[in-house]
PDB file of N, CA and C in Angstrom:
ATOM      1  N   ASP A   1     120.085  99.332 121.281  1.00  0.00           N
ATOM      2  CA  ASP A   1     120.289  98.698 119.981  1.00  0.00           C
ATOM      3  C   ASP A   1     119.056  98.864 119.109  1.00  0.00           C
ATOM      4  N   ALA A   2     119.097  98.345 117.891  1.00  0.00           N
ATOM      5  CA  ALA A   2     118.034  98.580 116.909  1.00  0.00           C
ATOM      6  C   ALA A   2     116.678  98.070 117.383  1.00  0.00           C
ATOM      7  N   ILE A   3     116.643  96.894 117.996  1.00  0.00           N
ATOM      8  CA  ILE A   3     115.364  96.318 118.427  1.00  0.00           C
ATOM      9  C   ILE A   3     114.761  97.142 119.558  1.00  0.00           C
ATOM     10  N   THR A   4     115.581  97.551 120.516  1.00  0.00           N
ATOM     11  CA  THR A   4     115.101  98.387 121.610  1.00  0.00           C
ATOM     12  C   THR A   4     114.571  99.709 121.067  1.00  0.00           C
ATOM     13  N   ASN A   5     115.294 100.300 120.116  1.00  0.00           N
ATOM     14  CA  ASN A   5     114.855 101.548 119.505  1.00  0.00           C
ATOM     15  C   ASN A   5     113.520 101.375 118.795  1.00  0.00           C
ATOM     16  N   ALA A   6     113.345 100.267 118.111  1.00  0.00           N
ATOM     17  CA  ALA A   6     112.101 100.013 117.387  1.00  0.00           C
ATOM     18  C   ALA A   6     110.932  99.923 118.361  1.00  0.00           C
ATOM     19  N   LYS A   7     111.147  99.271 119.496  1.00  0.00           N
ATOM     20  CA  LYS A   7     110.087  99.146 120.494  1.00  0.00           C
ATOM     21  C   LYS A   7     109.661 100.510 121.020  1.00  0.00           C
ATOM     22  N   SER A   8     110.590 101.465 121.039  1.00  0.00           N
ATOM     23  CA  SER A   8     110.271 102.805 121.510  1.00  0.00           C
ATOM     24  C   SER A   8     109.840 103.721 120.370  1.00  0.00           C
ATOM     25  N   GLY A   9     109.733 103.172 119.158  1.00  0.00           N
ATOM     26  CA  GLY A   9     109.225 103.931 118.018  1.00  0.00           C
ATOM     27  C   GLY A   9     110.299 104.539 117.144  1.00  0.00           C
ATOM     28  N   THR A  10     111.556 104.250 117.418  1.00  0.00           N
ATOM     29  CA  THR A  10     112.642 104.782 116.603  1.00  0.00           C
ATOM     30  C   THR A  10     113.149 103.690 115.675  1.00  0.00           C
ATOM     31  N   PHE A  11     112.780 103.779 114.403  1.00  0.00           N
ATOM     32  CA  PHE A  11     113.154 102.734 113.462  1.00  0.00           C
ATOM     33  C   PHE A  11     114.466 103.056 112.758  1.00  0.00           C
ATOM     34  N   SER A  12     115.321 102.061 112.690  1.00  0.00           N
ATOM     35  CA  SER A  12     116.601 102.207 112.008  1.00  0.00           C
ATOM     36  C   SER A  12     116.397 102.231 110.496  1.00  0.00           C
ATOM     37  N   GLU A  13     117.288 102.922 109.799  1.00  0.00           N
ATOM     38  CA  GLU A  13     117.250 102.937 108.333  1.00  0.00           C
ATOM     39  C   GLU A  13     118.106 101.823 107.746  1.00  0.00           C
ATOM     40  N   ASP A  14     118.630 100.957 108.590  1.00  0.00           N
ATOM     41  CA  ASP A  14     119.469  99.850 108.129  1.00  0.00           C
ATOM     42  C   ASP A  14     118.636  98.864 107.312  1.00  0.00           C
ATOM     43  N   PRO A  15     119.011  98.592 106.062  1.00  0.00           N
ATOM     44  CA  PRO A  15     118.241  97.647 105.233  1.00  0.00           C
ATOM     45  C   PRO A  15     118.083  96.283 105.886  1.00  0.00           C
ATOM     46  N   ASN A  16     119.101  95.811 106.573  1.00  0.00           N
ATOM     47  CA  ASN A  16     119.006  94.520 107.250  1.00  0.00           C
ATOM     48  C   ASN A  16     117.947  94.548 108.339  1.00  0.00           C
ATOM     49  N   PHE A  17     117.842  95.678 109.030  1.00  0.00           N
ATOM     50  CA  PHE A  17     116.834  95.818 110.073  1.00  0.00           C
ATOM     51  C   PHE A  17     115.437  95.833 109.470  1.00  0.00           C
ATOM     52  N   LYS A  18     115.281  96.545 108.349  1.00  0.00           N
ATOM     53  CA  LYS A  18     113.984  96.562 107.663  1.00  0.00           C
ATOM     54  C   LYS A  18     113.591  95.159 107.223  1.00  0.00           C
ATOM     55  N   CYS A  19     114.548  94.384 106.735  1.00  0.00           N
ATOM     56  CA  CYS A  19     114.287  93.005 106.323  1.00  0.00           C
ATOM     57  C   CYS A  19     113.862  92.175 107.525  1.00  0.00           C
ATOM     58  N   TYR A  20     114.530  92.405 108.666  1.00  0.00           N
ATOM     59  CA  TYR A  20     114.196  91.695 109.904  1.00  0.00           C
ATOM     60  C   TYR A  20     112.755  91.980 110.317  1.00  0.00           C
ATOM     61  N   ILE A  21     112.358  93.248 110.263  1.00  0.00           N
ATOM     62  CA  ILE A  21     110.981  93.620 110.605  1.00  0.00           C
ATOM     63  C   ILE A  21     110.002  92.972 109.636  1.00  0.00           C
ATOM     64  N   LYS A  22     110.320  93.008 108.340  1.00  0.00           N
ATOM     65  CA  LYS A  22     109.440  92.392 107.343  1.00  0.00           C
ATOM     66  C   LYS A  22     109.275  90.901 107.623  1.00  0.00           C
ATOM     67  N   CYS A  23     110.391  90.245 107.960  1.00  0.00           N
ATOM     68  CA  CYS A  23     110.321  88.816 108.278  1.00  0.00           C
ATOM     69  C   CYS A  23     109.443  88.571 109.499  1.00  0.00           C
ATOM     70  N   LEU A  24     109.555  89.412 110.522  1.00  0.00           N
ATOM     71  CA  LEU A  24     108.702  89.281 111.706  1.00  0.00           C
ATOM     72  C   LEU A  24     107.233  89.435 111.338  1.00  0.00           C
ATOM     73  N   LEU A  25     106.929  90.445 110.539  1.00  0.00           N
ATOM     74  CA  LEU A  25     105.542  90.684 110.137  1.00  0.00           C
ATOM     75  C   LEU A  25     105.013  89.526 109.307  1.00  0.00           C
ATOM     76  N   ASP A  26     105.849  89.002 108.416  1.00  0.00           N
ATOM     77  CA  ASP A  26     105.448  87.847 107.606  1.00  0.00           C
ATOM     78  C   ASP A  26     105.154  86.641 108.488  1.00  0.00           C
ATOM     79  N   GLN A  27     105.998  86.408 109.492  1.00  0.00           N
ATOM     80  CA  GLN A  27     105.780  85.281 110.399  1.00  0.00           C
ATOM     81  C   GLN A  27     104.481  85.462 111.180  1.00  0.00           C
ATOM     82  N   MET A  28     104.214  86.673 111.650  1.00  0.00           N
ATOM     83  CA  MET A  28     102.980  86.932 112.392  1.00  0.00           C
ATOM     84  C   MET A  28     101.759  86.736 111.507  1.00  0.00           C
ATOM     85  N   ALA A  29     101.874  87.139 110.245  1.00  0.00           N
ATOM     86  CA  ALA A  29     100.763  86.972 109.309  1.00  0.00           C
ATOM     87  C   ALA A  29     100.476  85.493 109.085  1.00  0.00           C
ATOM     88  N   ILE A  30     101.516  84.691 108.972  1.00  0.00           N
ATOM     89  CA  ILE A  30     101.342  83.249 108.781  1.00  0.00           C
ATOM     90  C   ILE A  30     100.664  82.639 110.004  1.00  0.00           C
ATOM     91  N   VAL A  31     101.081  83.041 111.187  1.00  0.00           N
ATOM     92  CA  VAL A  31     100.487  82.529 112.427  1.00  0.00           C
ATOM     93  C   VAL A  31      99.021  82.938 112.514  1.00  0.00           C
ATOM     94  N   ASP A  32      98.713  84.174 112.134  1.00  0.00           N
ATOM     95  CA  ASP A  32      97.338  84.672 112.216  1.00  0.00           C
ATOM     96  C   ASP A  32      96.393  83.906 111.294  1.00  0.00           C
ATOM     97  N   GLU A  33      96.911  83.386 110.183  1.00  0.00           N
ATOM     98  CA  GLU A  33      96.061  82.691 109.216  1.00  0.00           C
ATOM     99  C   GLU A  33      95.613  81.318 109.708  1.00  0.00           C
ATOM    100  N   GLU A  34      96.338  80.758 110.658  1.00  0.00           N
ATOM    101  CA  GLU A  34      95.997  79.410 111.136  1.00  0.00           C
ATOM    102  C   GLU A  34      94.793  79.429 112.061  1.00  0.00           C
TER     103      GLU A  34
END
């Protein structure tokens, strides 16, 4: 699936998947600031 592919370096072109990754990165950035 898309998440497994991403872990192996294969990123989906699905806009929803890109949004999901952006949300993950945003959450990690918020955690890092604390």
